[in-house]
């Protein structure tokens, strides 16, 4: 980034009468091929101003630019001014900067310690933690870590699905077919079985749905029996979820679920009435929005509240409690309309902070091309998938490195890392087909490949008896340049991943850095040349630091041995 700024400064001295500095910065590109230089400035927009061909302008500019020593060469190429960095000087500077900054390399303070609330994961209690919840959990966790890296204070919120008519249905199912002993022995699987059974029976006897609604109404009215059963379902679920979160290395600052807002919704309804926004429609209460969006349903005919009422109450509570500048909702694509309605209602209510609300949507994990459904029992349990991955990693260790210490720890790091990376390497808006084979593949564009590269770097440092030094080393290997340019890109990748709410930028980055380092390792005998050994080991150490930090920002651990 700093070299781009230096190039822009020099260009600005020549072009300030025509183009502002920030626009100049945005115009500078990275050439497609290494032999075309490191930075390029297109002259096509200047053709109208100078009334000359872009090729002519590029030649004149290239001849007149006086660049600092960090640039080695300037060339005019097809209407572009291309500049080449001084490889030795830049390499020395970047390696020194990474090593002296360590895990702080790439930190920025655009957030100025302001708060971002991040609502993610949010599984439904009394249902198993399925693969369907993986995406929200790992995308949200990574965005929290990236936000922190950018100087924000993330508040991680697990808005548990612990309220709604489904609990009325579950109470009916438990009272009809449930056994306390079975539920205590295996709570989540037994409750899922009851939930699936309810929907199967309700297809034959629709009156069960009315009973479910009736029991949920009792729950809302704090009926003692209904409330005790609900609380028991919730406690058992949280115990199960905590095991998954421990495996994934995910923590939360708040686990206030939907039920937390039960006593806060009347206030929202009152505000809507005061602001004359609440209208009656076929017996229900709605807020009309605009021609492009349907009305937002606030209360049903029977007076029960809906998700919208609760999410309005949650947004207002979080603003009052945390004073956020941005608030992320990491929730699937299918909820896009819901969040558009919520944000528009908050705007109509006069809340100026509504502009900081962002729905970070994502595609689904599909099984055989279809959405996974809890109702019909088509569910793949995340805990099972994680355990399968850990067991496969353990088998690989026993075959490839049976002498490895801490086999169980490394197997957990690699197995869990494989699952997280497989999700995050995909652009979040794309659907992903569930394939255990793909997730657990340990070659190619996978988490274990990046982890193995980190372990390889650690092993080289150990073998070479590397001792950290403040000295600036000059690396003369031409093969190292791609590694250096990748290291240089890390700060801008962090910012781009944050700006675009896209952890896949970081996943793709650590893959590219790993590939370039492995290519370097394959072509240069790092420990063979005594004179270059310390410089080369410094490069290896810089790669280890950045891979470790890049994986951390994805929520993945980096083993030093594999």
Protein backbone atom coordinates (compact mmCIF):
# COMPACT_ATOMS: atom_id res chain seq x y z
CA UNK A 1 0.00 0.00 0.00
CA UNK A 2 2.76 2.48 0.91
CA UNK A 3 4.43 1.93 -2.50
CA UNK A 4 1.13 2.65 -4.21
CA UNK A 5 0.92 5.89 -2.19
CA UNK A 6 4.49 6.82 -3.20
CA UNK A 7 3.65 6.20 -6.89
CA UNK A 8 0.42 8.23 -6.57
CA UNK A 9 2.32 11.13 -4.92
CA UNK A 10 4.71 11.37 -7.87
CA UNK A 11 1.88 11.13 -10.42
CA UNK A 12 -0.09 13.78 -8.51
CA UNK A 13 2.75 16.31 -8.91
CA UNK A 14 2.22 16.05 -12.68
CA UNK A 15 -1.57 15.62 -12.82
CA UNK A 16 -2.97 17.61 -9.85
CA UNK A 17 -4.68 20.14 -12.15
CA UNK A 18 -6.78 17.33 -13.63
CA UNK A 19 -7.18 14.46 -11.15
CA UNK A 20 -7.56 14.37 -7.33
CA UNK A 21 -5.22 12.20 -5.27
CA UNK A 22 -7.87 9.75 -4.03
CA UNK A 23 -9.04 9.16 -7.63
CA UNK A 24 -5.42 8.64 -8.68
CA UNK A 25 -5.03 6.01 -5.95
CA UNK A 26 -8.13 4.18 -7.19
CA UNK A 27 -6.88 4.24 -10.80
CA UNK A 28 -3.55 2.54 -10.03
CA UNK A 29 -3.70 -1.17 -10.89
CA UNK A 30 -1.63 -4.28 -10.36
CA UNK A 31 -0.50 -5.63 -13.78
CA UNK A 32 -1.67 -9.13 -14.71
CA UNK A 33 1.83 -10.44 -15.39
CA UNK A 34 5.02 -10.07 -13.35
CA UNK A 35 7.10 -9.00 -16.37
CA UNK A 36 4.81 -5.96 -16.77
CA UNK A 37 5.92 -4.45 -13.45
CA UNK A 38 4.43 -4.09 -9.98
CA UNK A 39 2.08 -1.11 -10.39
CA UNK A 40 0.44 0.44 -13.45
CA UNK A 41 -1.35 3.73 -14.16
CA UNK A 42 -3.79 3.84 -17.14
CA UNK A 43 -3.68 7.04 -19.24
CA UNK A 44 -6.94 6.57 -21.18
CA UNK A 45 -8.93 9.11 -19.13
CA UNK A 46 -6.21 11.72 -19.83
CA UNK A 47 -6.64 11.40 -23.61
CA UNK A 48 -9.58 13.85 -23.68
CA UNK A 49 -7.77 16.33 -21.40
CA UNK A 50 -4.43 16.32 -23.26
CA UNK A 51 -5.98 15.62 -26.69
CA UNK A 52 -3.33 13.00 -27.31
CA UNK A 53 -3.31 9.25 -27.64
CA UNK A 54 -3.00 7.38 -24.29
CA UNK A 55 0.18 5.68 -25.60
CA UNK A 56 1.82 9.10 -26.21
CA UNK A 57 0.78 10.40 -22.77
CA UNK A 58 2.18 7.25 -21.11
CA UNK A 59 5.55 7.67 -22.90
CA UNK A 60 5.80 11.36 -21.87
CA UNK A 61 4.81 10.67 -18.27
CA UNK A 62 7.25 7.74 -17.97
CA UNK A 63 10.10 9.98 -19.20
CA UNK A 64 9.27 12.82 -16.77
CA UNK A 65 8.48 10.96 -13.53
CA UNK A 66 11.15 11.26 -10.83
CA UNK A 67 10.56 8.24 -8.63
CA UNK A 68 12.22 7.51 -5.26
CA UNK A 69 14.87 4.77 -4.91
CA UNK A 70 12.26 2.19 -3.94
CA UNK A 71 11.31 2.12 -7.66
CA UNK A 72 13.86 0.60 -10.02
CA UNK A 73 12.38 1.26 -13.43
CA UNK A 74 9.53 2.96 -15.34
CA UNK A 75 8.11 1.82 -18.66
CA UNK A 76 5.29 2.99 -20.95
CA UNK A 77 3.26 -0.04 -22.09
CA UNK A 78 0.14 0.17 -24.29
CA UNK A 79 -1.21 3.37 -22.75
CA UNK A 80 -0.10 2.50 -19.19
CA UNK A 81 2.77 3.84 -17.09
CA UNK A 82 4.20 0.70 -15.44
CA UNK A 83 6.68 0.87 -12.58
CA UNK A 84 8.99 -1.82 -11.24
CA UNK A 85 9.88 -1.90 -7.55
CA UNK A 86 13.48 -2.20 -6.39
CA UNK A 87 13.22 -5.87 -5.38
CA UNK A 88 16.12 -5.99 -2.94
CA UNK A 89 15.19 -2.80 -1.10
CA UNK A 90 11.48 -3.68 -0.90
CA UNK A 91 12.16 -7.31 0.13
CA UNK A 92 14.43 -6.19 2.94
CA UNK A 93 11.87 -3.62 4.15
CA UNK A 94 8.83 -5.97 4.02
CA UNK A 95 10.59 -8.86 5.82
CA UNK A 96 11.81 -6.46 8.52
CA UNK A 97 8.34 -4.91 8.90
CA UNK A 98 6.61 -8.31 9.27
CA UNK A 99 9.17 -9.62 11.79
CA UNK A 100 9.19 -6.45 13.90
CA UNK A 101 5.36 -6.23 13.90
CA UNK A 102 4.73 -10.00 14.39
CA UNK A 103 0.98 -10.71 14.77
CA UNK A 104 0.28 -6.94 14.63
CA UNK A 105 1.39 -6.83 10.97
CA UNK A 106 -1.61 -5.67 8.94
CA UNK A 107 -3.35 -4.01 11.92
CA UNK A 108 -5.16 -0.77 11.13
CA UNK A 109 -7.31 1.54 13.20
CA UNK A 110 -10.10 2.50 10.81
CA UNK A 111 -12.53 1.37 13.52
CA UNK A 112 -11.14 3.71 16.20
CA UNK A 113 -12.37 1.23 18.87
CA UNK A 114 -16.01 1.83 17.94
CA UNK A 115 -18.50 -1.01 18.48
CA UNK A 116 -19.84 -3.42 15.87
CA UNK A 117 -22.45 -5.89 17.11
CA UNK A 118 -22.33 -9.18 15.19
CA UNK A 119 -25.39 -11.41 15.40
CA UNK A 120 -24.33 -14.87 14.21
CA UNK A 121 -24.72 -18.63 14.67
CA UNK A 122 -28.12 -18.41 16.43
CA UNK A 123 -29.20 -22.08 16.41
CA UNK A 124 -32.67 -23.12 17.52
CA UNK A 125 -32.82 -24.74 20.93
CA UNK A 126 -34.19 -28.26 21.21
CA UNK A 127 -32.86 -28.94 17.72
CA UNK A 128 -29.45 -30.36 16.88
CA UNK A 129 -26.60 -28.10 15.77
CA UNK A 130 -26.72 -29.07 12.10
CA UNK A 131 -24.36 -28.38 9.21
CA UNK A 132 -26.86 -25.70 8.21
CA UNK A 133 -25.68 -23.55 11.14
CA UNK A 134 -22.00 -23.90 10.25
CA UNK A 135 -21.96 -21.06 7.70
CA UNK A 136 -23.37 -18.35 9.98
CA UNK A 137 -21.08 -19.49 12.81
CA UNK A 138 -17.79 -19.47 10.90
CA UNK A 139 -18.53 -16.40 8.72
CA UNK A 140 -19.62 -14.41 11.78
CA UNK A 141 -16.63 -15.52 13.85
CA UNK A 142 -14.18 -14.59 11.07
CA UNK A 143 -15.84 -11.18 10.52
CA UNK A 144 -15.53 -10.50 14.27
CA UNK A 145 -11.78 -11.31 14.15
CA UNK A 146 -11.25 -9.22 10.98
CA UNK A 147 -13.22 -6.30 12.52
CA UNK A 148 -10.95 -6.46 15.57
CA UNK A 149 -7.89 -6.42 13.28
CA UNK A 150 -9.32 -3.22 11.73
CA UNK A 151 -9.56 -1.47 15.10
CA UNK A 152 -13.24 -2.09 15.90
CA UNK A 153 -14.63 -3.57 19.10
CA UNK A 154 -16.82 -6.51 18.02
CA UNK A 155 -19.62 -7.68 20.30
CA UNK A 156 -20.38 -11.31 19.43
CA UNK A 157 -24.07 -12.08 19.90
CA UNK A 158 -25.67 -15.55 19.76
CA UNK A 159 -29.33 -14.66 19.22
CA UNK A 160 -30.64 -18.11 20.14
CA UNK A 161 -33.86 -19.33 18.54
CA UNK A 162 -35.47 -20.04 21.91
CA UNK A 163 -39.03 -18.80 21.29
CA UNK A 164 -41.86 -19.31 18.82
CA UNK A 165 -44.73 -21.67 17.93
CA UNK A 166 -42.30 -24.56 17.38
CA UNK A 167 -41.95 -24.79 21.18
CA UNK A 168 -45.70 -25.20 21.50
CA UNK A 169 -45.43 -28.09 19.01
CA UNK A 170 -42.51 -29.62 20.92
CA UNK A 171 -44.43 -29.44 24.23
CA UNK A 172 -47.38 -31.25 22.58
CA UNK A 173 -45.02 -33.89 21.14
CA UNK A 174 -43.24 -34.41 24.47
CA UNK A 175 -46.50 -34.69 26.43
CA UNK A 176 -47.88 -37.21 23.90
CA UNK A 177 -44.89 -39.39 23.03
CA UNK A 178 -41.90 -38.26 25.11
CA UNK A 179 -40.17 -40.05 27.97
CA UNK A 180 -38.24 -38.02 30.54
CA UNK A 181 -35.57 -40.72 30.94
CA UNK A 182 -34.85 -40.88 27.20
CA UNK A 183 -34.67 -37.09 26.89
CA UNK A 184 -32.25 -36.84 29.83
CA UNK A 185 -30.00 -39.54 28.34
CA UNK A 186 -29.81 -38.01 24.86
CA UNK A 187 -31.62 -34.64 24.88
CA UNK A 188 -31.01 -33.22 21.41
CA UNK A 189 -31.50 -36.41 19.40
CA UNK A 190 -34.62 -37.35 21.38
CA UNK A 191 -36.16 -33.87 21.04
CA UNK A 192 -35.41 -33.90 17.28
CA UNK A 193 -37.15 -37.29 17.01
CA UNK A 194 -40.22 -35.84 18.77
CA UNK A 195 -40.20 -32.72 16.55
CA UNK A 196 -40.04 -34.83 13.34
CA UNK A 197 -42.77 -37.15 14.71
CA UNK A 198 -45.03 -34.14 15.41
CA UNK A 199 -44.85 -32.98 11.77
CA UNK A 200 -45.47 -36.49 10.45
CA UNK A 201 -48.54 -36.91 12.71
CA UNK A 202 -49.79 -33.36 11.97
CA UNK A 203 -50.01 -34.22 8.25
CA UNK A 204 -52.58 -36.87 9.21
CA UNK A 205 -54.18 -34.87 12.05
CA UNK A 206 -54.03 -31.08 11.39
CA UNK A 207 -55.65 -30.36 14.80
CA UNK A 208 -52.21 -31.00 16.33
CA UNK A 209 -51.07 -27.67 14.86
CA UNK A 210 -53.87 -25.89 16.77
CA UNK A 211 -52.76 -27.64 19.97
CA UNK A 212 -49.19 -26.47 19.29
CA UNK A 213 -50.36 -22.86 18.89
CA UNK A 214 -52.41 -23.16 22.07
CA UNK A 215 -49.42 -24.40 24.12
CA UNK A 216 -47.24 -21.62 22.73
CA UNK A 217 -49.90 -19.08 23.81
CA UNK A 218 -49.70 -20.64 27.32
CA UNK A 219 -45.91 -20.26 27.19
CA UNK A 220 -46.28 -16.57 26.31
CA UNK A 221 -48.67 -16.21 29.25
CA UNK A 222 -46.02 -17.85 31.53
CA UNK A 223 -48.04 -20.99 32.29
CA UNK A 224 -45.94 -22.85 34.89
CA UNK A 225 -45.89 -26.27 33.17
CA UNK A 226 -45.16 -24.82 29.72
CA UNK A 227 -42.41 -22.56 31.07
CA UNK A 228 -40.68 -25.37 33.02
CA UNK A 229 -40.59 -27.65 29.97
CA UNK A 230 -39.29 -24.79 27.76
CA UNK A 231 -36.55 -23.94 30.28
CA UNK A 232 -35.50 -27.59 30.48
CA UNK A 233 -35.31 -27.90 26.67
CA UNK A 234 -33.21 -24.69 26.58
CA UNK A 235 -30.71 -25.72 29.30
CA UNK A 236 -30.12 -29.14 27.73
CA UNK A 237 -29.59 -27.56 24.31
CA UNK A 238 -27.06 -25.02 25.59
CA UNK A 239 -24.98 -27.79 27.17
CA UNK A 240 -24.84 -29.56 23.79
CA UNK A 241 -24.08 -26.35 21.85
CA UNK A 242 -21.21 -25.43 24.17
CA UNK A 243 -19.38 -28.63 23.12
CA UNK A 244 -19.58 -27.60 19.45
CA UNK A 245 -18.46 -24.03 20.13
CA UNK A 246 -15.50 -25.34 22.16
CA UNK A 247 -14.44 -27.52 19.20
CA UNK A 248 -14.80 -24.60 16.77
CA UNK A 249 -13.03 -22.17 19.12
CA UNK A 250 -15.97 -19.74 18.99
CA UNK A 251 -16.95 -17.49 21.92
CA UNK A 252 -19.81 -15.06 22.51
CA UNK A 253 -20.25 -11.88 24.54
CA UNK A 254 -24.03 -12.36 24.73
CA UNK A 255 -26.37 -15.34 24.43
CA UNK A 256 -29.55 -13.30 24.78
CA UNK A 257 -31.99 -15.23 22.62
CA UNK A 258 -35.45 -14.36 21.34
CA UNK A 259 -37.04 -14.95 24.76
CA UNK A 260 -34.89 -12.16 26.27
CA UNK A 261 -36.98 -9.64 24.31
CA UNK A 262 -40.39 -10.86 25.53
CA UNK A 263 -40.75 -7.92 27.96
CA UNK A 264 -39.34 -5.41 25.45
CA UNK A 265 -41.81 -5.86 22.61
CA UNK A 266 -44.79 -4.01 24.12
CA UNK A 267 -42.60 -0.91 24.17
CA UNK A 268 -41.92 -1.33 20.42
CA UNK A 269 -45.66 -1.70 19.69
CA UNK A 270 -46.34 1.39 21.84
CA UNK A 271 -43.72 3.40 19.90
CA UNK A 272 -45.25 2.30 16.58
CA UNK A 273 -48.71 3.41 17.80
CA UNK A 274 -47.32 6.77 19.02
CA UNK A 275 -45.65 7.38 15.66
CA UNK A 276 -48.94 6.39 13.92
CA UNK A 277 -47.19 3.65 11.96
CA UNK A 278 -49.27 0.67 13.12
CA UNK A 279 -52.19 -0.24 10.85
CA UNK A 280 -54.80 -3.01 10.99
CA UNK A 281 -54.89 -5.53 8.15
CA UNK A 282 -57.28 -8.51 8.22
CA UNK A 283 -57.22 -8.49 12.02
CA UNK A 284 -53.41 -8.41 12.24
CA UNK A 285 -51.21 -5.37 13.03
CA UNK A 286 -48.77 -4.25 10.33
CA UNK A 287 -46.45 -1.39 9.35
CA UNK A 288 -46.84 -0.37 5.72
CA UNK A 289 -43.46 0.31 4.11
CA UNK A 290 -43.44 1.21 0.41
CA UNK A 291 -44.57 -0.06 -2.99
CA UNK A 292 -41.55 -2.32 -3.42
CA UNK A 293 -41.90 -4.13 -0.05
CA UNK A 294 -44.91 -5.89 1.52
CA UNK A 295 -46.17 -4.64 4.92
CA UNK A 296 -44.17 -5.75 7.97
CA UNK A 297 -46.30 -8.00 10.20
CA UNK A 298 -46.00 -6.99 13.87
CA UNK A 299 -48.80 -8.98 15.58
CA UNK A 300 -50.92 -11.91 14.39
CA UNK A 301 -54.73 -12.03 14.70
CA UNK A 302 -54.46 -13.97 17.98
CA UNK A 303 -52.18 -11.28 19.45
CA UNK A 304 -48.97 -13.33 19.40
CA UNK A 305 -45.84 -11.46 18.39
CA UNK A 306 -43.59 -12.28 15.45
CA UNK A 307 -39.90 -12.31 14.55
CA UNK A 308 -40.18 -8.77 13.22
CA UNK A 309 -41.40 -7.37 16.56
CA UNK A 310 -38.59 -9.17 18.35
CA UNK A 311 -35.88 -8.04 15.91
CA UNK A 312 -37.04 -4.42 16.21
CA UNK A 313 -36.83 -4.72 20.01
CA UNK A 314 -33.36 -6.36 19.72
CA UNK A 315 -32.01 -3.62 17.43
CA UNK A 316 -33.23 -0.85 19.75
CA UNK A 317 -31.89 -2.66 22.85
CA UNK A 318 -28.47 -3.22 21.25
CA UNK A 319 -28.16 0.41 20.21
CA UNK A 320 -29.10 1.61 23.71
CA UNK A 321 -26.85 -0.97 25.41
CA UNK A 322 -23.77 -1.04 23.16
CA UNK A 323 -23.98 2.20 21.12
CA UNK A 324 -22.87 0.42 17.94
CA UNK A 325 -21.74 2.23 14.77
CA UNK A 326 -22.48 -0.87 12.71
CA UNK A 327 -24.57 -3.95 13.41
CA UNK A 328 -24.09 -7.11 11.32
CA UNK A 329 -26.74 -9.81 10.96
CA UNK A 330 -25.01 -12.93 9.61
CA UNK A 331 -28.12 -14.74 8.42
CA UNK A 332 -28.93 -16.72 5.24
CA UNK A 333 -30.14 -15.32 1.91
CA UNK A 334 -33.69 -16.52 2.55
CA UNK A 335 -34.12 -13.83 5.23
CA UNK A 336 -33.28 -10.92 2.87
CA UNK A 337 -36.88 -9.61 2.69
CA UNK A 338 -37.26 -9.83 6.49
CA UNK A 339 -34.21 -7.65 7.13
CA UNK A 340 -35.15 -5.13 4.43
CA UNK A 341 -38.49 -4.71 6.22
CA UNK A 342 -36.87 -4.39 9.67
CA UNK A 343 -34.37 -1.76 8.50
CA UNK A 344 -37.13 0.24 6.73
CA UNK A 345 -39.39 0.17 9.81
CA UNK A 346 -36.50 1.48 11.98
CA UNK A 347 -35.97 4.28 9.43
CA UNK A 348 -39.70 5.16 9.59
CA UNK A 349 -39.42 5.18 13.40
CA UNK A 350 -36.81 7.95 13.02
CA UNK A 351 -33.71 6.06 14.18
CA UNK A 352 -30.76 7.69 12.41
CA UNK A 353 -28.47 4.76 13.30
CA UNK A 354 -30.47 2.40 11.04
CA UNK A 355 -27.89 3.08 8.29
CA UNK A 356 -25.30 1.07 10.26
CA UNK A 357 -27.40 -2.12 10.07
CA UNK A 358 -26.11 -4.68 7.57
CA UNK A 359 -27.57 -8.03 6.59
CA UNK A 360 -24.53 -10.21 5.82
CA UNK A 361 -26.35 -12.85 3.80
CA UNK A 362 -24.96 -16.15 2.59
CA UNK A 363 -25.94 -19.17 0.49
CA UNK A 364 -27.11 -22.49 1.85
CA UNK A 365 -25.36 -25.78 2.45
CA UNK A 366 -27.30 -28.15 0.21
CA UNK A 367 -27.59 -31.92 0.41
CA UNK A 368 -28.27 -33.59 -2.95
CA UNK A 369 -29.11 -30.14 -4.32
CA UNK A 370 -31.80 -29.47 -1.69
CA UNK A 371 -31.96 -27.46 1.53
CA UNK A 372 -31.44 -29.49 4.69
CA UNK A 373 -34.69 -29.68 6.67
CA UNK A 374 -35.07 -30.40 10.39
CA UNK A 375 -38.81 -31.06 10.01
CA UNK A 376 -38.31 -34.04 7.76
CA UNK A 377 -35.25 -35.31 9.59
CA UNK A 378 -32.89 -34.61 6.64
CA UNK A 379 -30.23 -33.26 8.91
CA UNK A 380 -26.45 -33.75 9.03
CA UNK A 381 -25.12 -33.11 12.52
CA UNK A 382 -22.12 -30.77 12.71
CA UNK A 383 -20.67 -32.61 15.71
CA UNK A 384 -20.62 -35.87 13.70
CA UNK A 385 -18.89 -34.16 10.76
CA UNK A 386 -16.29 -32.55 13.05
CA UNK A 387 -15.58 -35.87 14.76
CA UNK A 388 -15.25 -37.63 11.37
CA UNK A 389 -12.76 -34.97 10.27
CA UNK A 390 -10.73 -35.25 13.49
CA UNK A 391 -10.63 -39.07 13.20
CA UNK A 392 -9.48 -38.89 9.57
CA UNK A 393 -6.77 -36.38 10.52
CA UNK A 394 -5.63 -38.75 13.29
CA UNK A 395 -5.41 -41.67 10.83
CA UNK A 396 -3.31 -39.55 8.45
CA UNK A 397 -0.94 -38.60 11.30
CA UNK A 398 -0.51 -42.25 12.31
CA UNK A 399 0.44 -43.14 8.71
CA UNK A 400 2.60 -40.12 7.80
CA UNK A 401 4.11 -39.03 11.12
CA UNK A 402 3.62 -41.71 13.82
CA UNK A 403 6.32 -40.14 16.03
CA UNK A 404 4.43 -36.82 16.29
CA UNK A 405 3.81 -35.65 19.85
CA UNK A 406 0.37 -34.23 20.78
CA UNK A 407 -1.35 -36.29 18.04
CA UNK A 408 -4.83 -35.62 19.44
CA UNK A 409 -4.31 -31.83 19.59
CA UNK A 410 -2.96 -31.66 16.03
CA UNK A 411 -5.75 -33.97 14.76
CA UNK A 412 -8.34 -31.60 16.29
CA UNK A 413 -6.63 -28.51 14.81
CA UNK A 414 -6.40 -30.09 11.34
CA UNK A 415 -9.83 -31.77 11.30
CA UNK A 416 -11.72 -28.71 12.53
CA UNK A 417 -9.57 -26.43 10.35
CA UNK A 418 -10.50 -28.50 7.27
CA UNK A 419 -14.23 -27.99 7.89
CA UNK A 420 -13.95 -24.25 8.60
CA UNK A 421 -11.65 -23.58 5.63
CA UNK A 422 -13.86 -25.53 3.22
CA UNK A 423 -16.71 -23.17 4.09
CA UNK A 424 -14.77 -19.90 4.15
CA UNK A 425 -12.86 -20.42 0.90
CA UNK A 426 -16.24 -20.18 -0.87
CA UNK A 427 -17.68 -16.72 -1.54
CA UNK A 428 -20.40 -16.40 1.09
CA UNK A 429 -23.30 -15.72 -1.33
CA UNK A 430 -22.75 -19.01 -3.16
CA UNK A 431 -24.56 -22.21 -2.14
CA UNK A 432 -22.28 -25.10 -1.12
CA UNK A 433 -23.08 -28.75 -1.82
CA UNK A 434 -22.45 -30.84 1.29
CA UNK A 435 -19.72 -33.38 0.56
CA UNK A 436 -17.81 -34.98 3.38
CA UNK A 437 -15.16 -36.20 0.91
CA UNK A 438 -14.46 -32.64 -0.33
CA UNK A 439 -14.39 -31.20 3.18
CA UNK A 440 -11.95 -33.78 4.45
CA UNK A 441 -9.59 -33.70 1.46
CA UNK A 442 -6.11 -32.88 2.69
CA UNK A 443 -4.56 -31.96 -0.67
CA UNK A 444 -5.23 -29.04 -3.01
CA UNK A 445 -7.00 -25.84 -1.98
CA UNK A 446 -7.70 -26.90 1.60
CA UNK A 447 -7.11 -25.79 5.17
CA UNK A 448 -4.72 -28.69 5.89
CA UNK A 449 -2.57 -27.61 2.90
CA UNK A 450 -2.16 -24.12 4.44
CA UNK A 451 -1.58 -25.60 7.91
CA UNK A 452 1.02 -27.97 6.47
CA UNK A 453 2.81 -25.01 4.84
CA UNK A 454 2.89 -23.26 8.24
CA UNK A 455 4.27 -26.44 9.87
CA UNK A 456 6.88 -26.73 7.08
CA UNK A 457 8.03 -23.13 7.73
CA UNK A 458 8.24 -23.87 11.47
CA UNK A 459 10.29 -27.01 10.79
CA UNK A 460 12.78 -25.13 8.54
CA UNK A 461 13.28 -22.46 11.24
CA UNK A 462 13.92 -25.17 13.84
CA UNK A 463 16.29 -27.10 11.58
CA UNK A 464 18.18 -23.92 10.64
CA UNK A 465 18.51 -22.81 14.31
CA UNK A 466 16.97 -19.47 13.35
CA UNK A 467 17.61 -16.66 15.82
CA UNK A 468 15.50 -13.53 15.42
CA UNK A 469 17.45 -10.35 14.71
CA UNK A 470 16.68 -6.63 14.25
CA UNK A 471 19.16 -6.53 11.39
CA UNK A 472 17.79 -5.85 7.89
CA UNK A 473 18.80 -8.68 5.57
CA UNK A 474 19.01 -8.40 1.79
CA UNK A 475 17.55 -11.41 -0.01
CA UNK A 476 18.97 -11.90 -3.50
CA UNK A 477 16.80 -14.82 -4.71
CA UNK A 478 14.64 -13.84 -7.68
CA UNK A 479 12.36 -16.76 -6.76
CA UNK A 480 11.49 -15.00 -3.47
CA UNK A 481 9.79 -12.02 -5.15
CA UNK A 482 6.33 -13.63 -5.51
CA UNK A 483 6.45 -14.50 -1.79
CA UNK A 484 7.42 -10.89 -0.96
CA UNK A 485 4.59 -9.40 -3.06
CA UNK A 486 2.15 -11.75 -1.30
CA UNK A 487 3.43 -10.66 2.13
CA UNK A 488 3.13 -7.04 0.99
CA UNK A 489 -0.53 -7.57 0.05
CA UNK A 490 -1.64 -8.83 3.50
CA UNK A 491 -2.74 -5.43 4.97
CA UNK A 492 -4.83 -4.57 1.89
CA UNK A 493 -6.45 -8.05 1.88
CA UNK A 494 -7.52 -7.53 5.53
CA UNK A 495 -9.13 -4.19 4.67
CA UNK A 496 -10.83 -5.61 1.56
CA UNK A 497 -12.18 -8.62 3.51
CA UNK A 498 -13.67 -6.18 6.04
CA UNK A 499 -15.05 -3.70 3.47
CA UNK A 500 -16.72 -6.49 1.49
CA UNK A 501 -17.76 -8.57 4.55
CA UNK A 502 -15.98 -11.44 2.83
CA UNK A 503 -13.69 -13.88 4.71
CA UNK A 504 -13.11 -15.82 1.46
CA UNK A 505 -10.67 -13.02 0.50
CA UNK A 506 -8.49 -14.11 3.44
CA UNK A 507 -8.87 -17.83 2.67
CA UNK A 508 -7.80 -17.27 -0.95
CA UNK A 509 -4.91 -15.11 0.25
CA UNK A 510 -3.40 -17.74 2.59
CA UNK A 511 -3.69 -20.28 -0.23
CA UNK A 512 -1.77 -17.98 -2.60
CA UNK A 513 0.91 -17.26 0.02
CA UNK A 514 1.26 -21.01 0.71
CA UNK A 515 1.57 -21.83 -3.00
CA UNK A 516 4.22 -19.13 -3.57
CA UNK A 517 6.21 -20.23 -0.51
CA UNK A 518 6.09 -23.93 -1.45
CA UNK A 519 7.27 -23.05 -4.96
CA UNK A 520 10.16 -21.05 -3.44
CA UNK A 521 10.98 -23.94 -1.08
CA UNK A 522 11.06 -26.31 -4.05
CA UNK A 523 13.44 -24.17 -6.10
CA UNK A 524 15.86 -22.78 -3.45
CA UNK A 525 17.93 -24.76 -0.98
CA UNK A 526 17.19 -22.48 1.96
CA UNK A 527 19.80 -23.84 4.38
CA UNK A 528 22.57 -24.67 1.85
CA UNK A 529 24.12 -21.21 1.24
CA UNK A 530 25.78 -19.98 4.46
CA UNK A 531 25.88 -16.33 3.30
CA UNK A 532 22.18 -16.22 2.37
CA UNK A 533 20.95 -18.54 5.14
CA UNK A 534 19.97 -15.83 7.65
CA UNK A 535 18.22 -13.70 5.00
CA UNK A 536 16.30 -16.73 3.71
CA UNK A 537 15.33 -17.85 7.21
CA UNK A 538 14.06 -14.32 7.89
CA UNK A 539 11.78 -14.70 4.86
CA UNK A 540 10.60 -18.10 6.16
CA UNK A 541 9.87 -16.54 9.57
CA UNK A 542 7.87 -13.71 7.92
CA UNK A 543 5.80 -16.31 6.01
CA UNK A 544 5.19 -18.28 9.22
CA UNK A 545 4.00 -15.12 11.03
CA UNK A 546 1.57 -14.11 8.26
CA UNK A 547 0.19 -17.62 7.68
CA UNK A 548 -0.43 -17.98 11.41
CA UNK A 549 -2.23 -14.63 11.55
CA UNK A 550 -4.18 -15.24 8.32
CA UNK A 551 -5.43 -18.60 9.64
CA UNK A 552 -6.29 -16.98 12.99
CA UNK A 553 -8.48 -14.42 11.19
CA UNK A 554 -10.40 -17.36 9.69
CA UNK A 555 -10.81 -18.92 13.16
CA UNK A 556 -8.32 -21.72 12.38
CA UNK A 557 -5.35 -22.85 14.48
CA UNK A 558 -1.87 -23.26 12.95
CA UNK A 559 0.06 -26.35 14.13
CA UNK A 560 3.88 -26.07 14.21
CA UNK A 561 4.17 -29.80 13.47
CA UNK A 562 2.01 -32.13 11.41
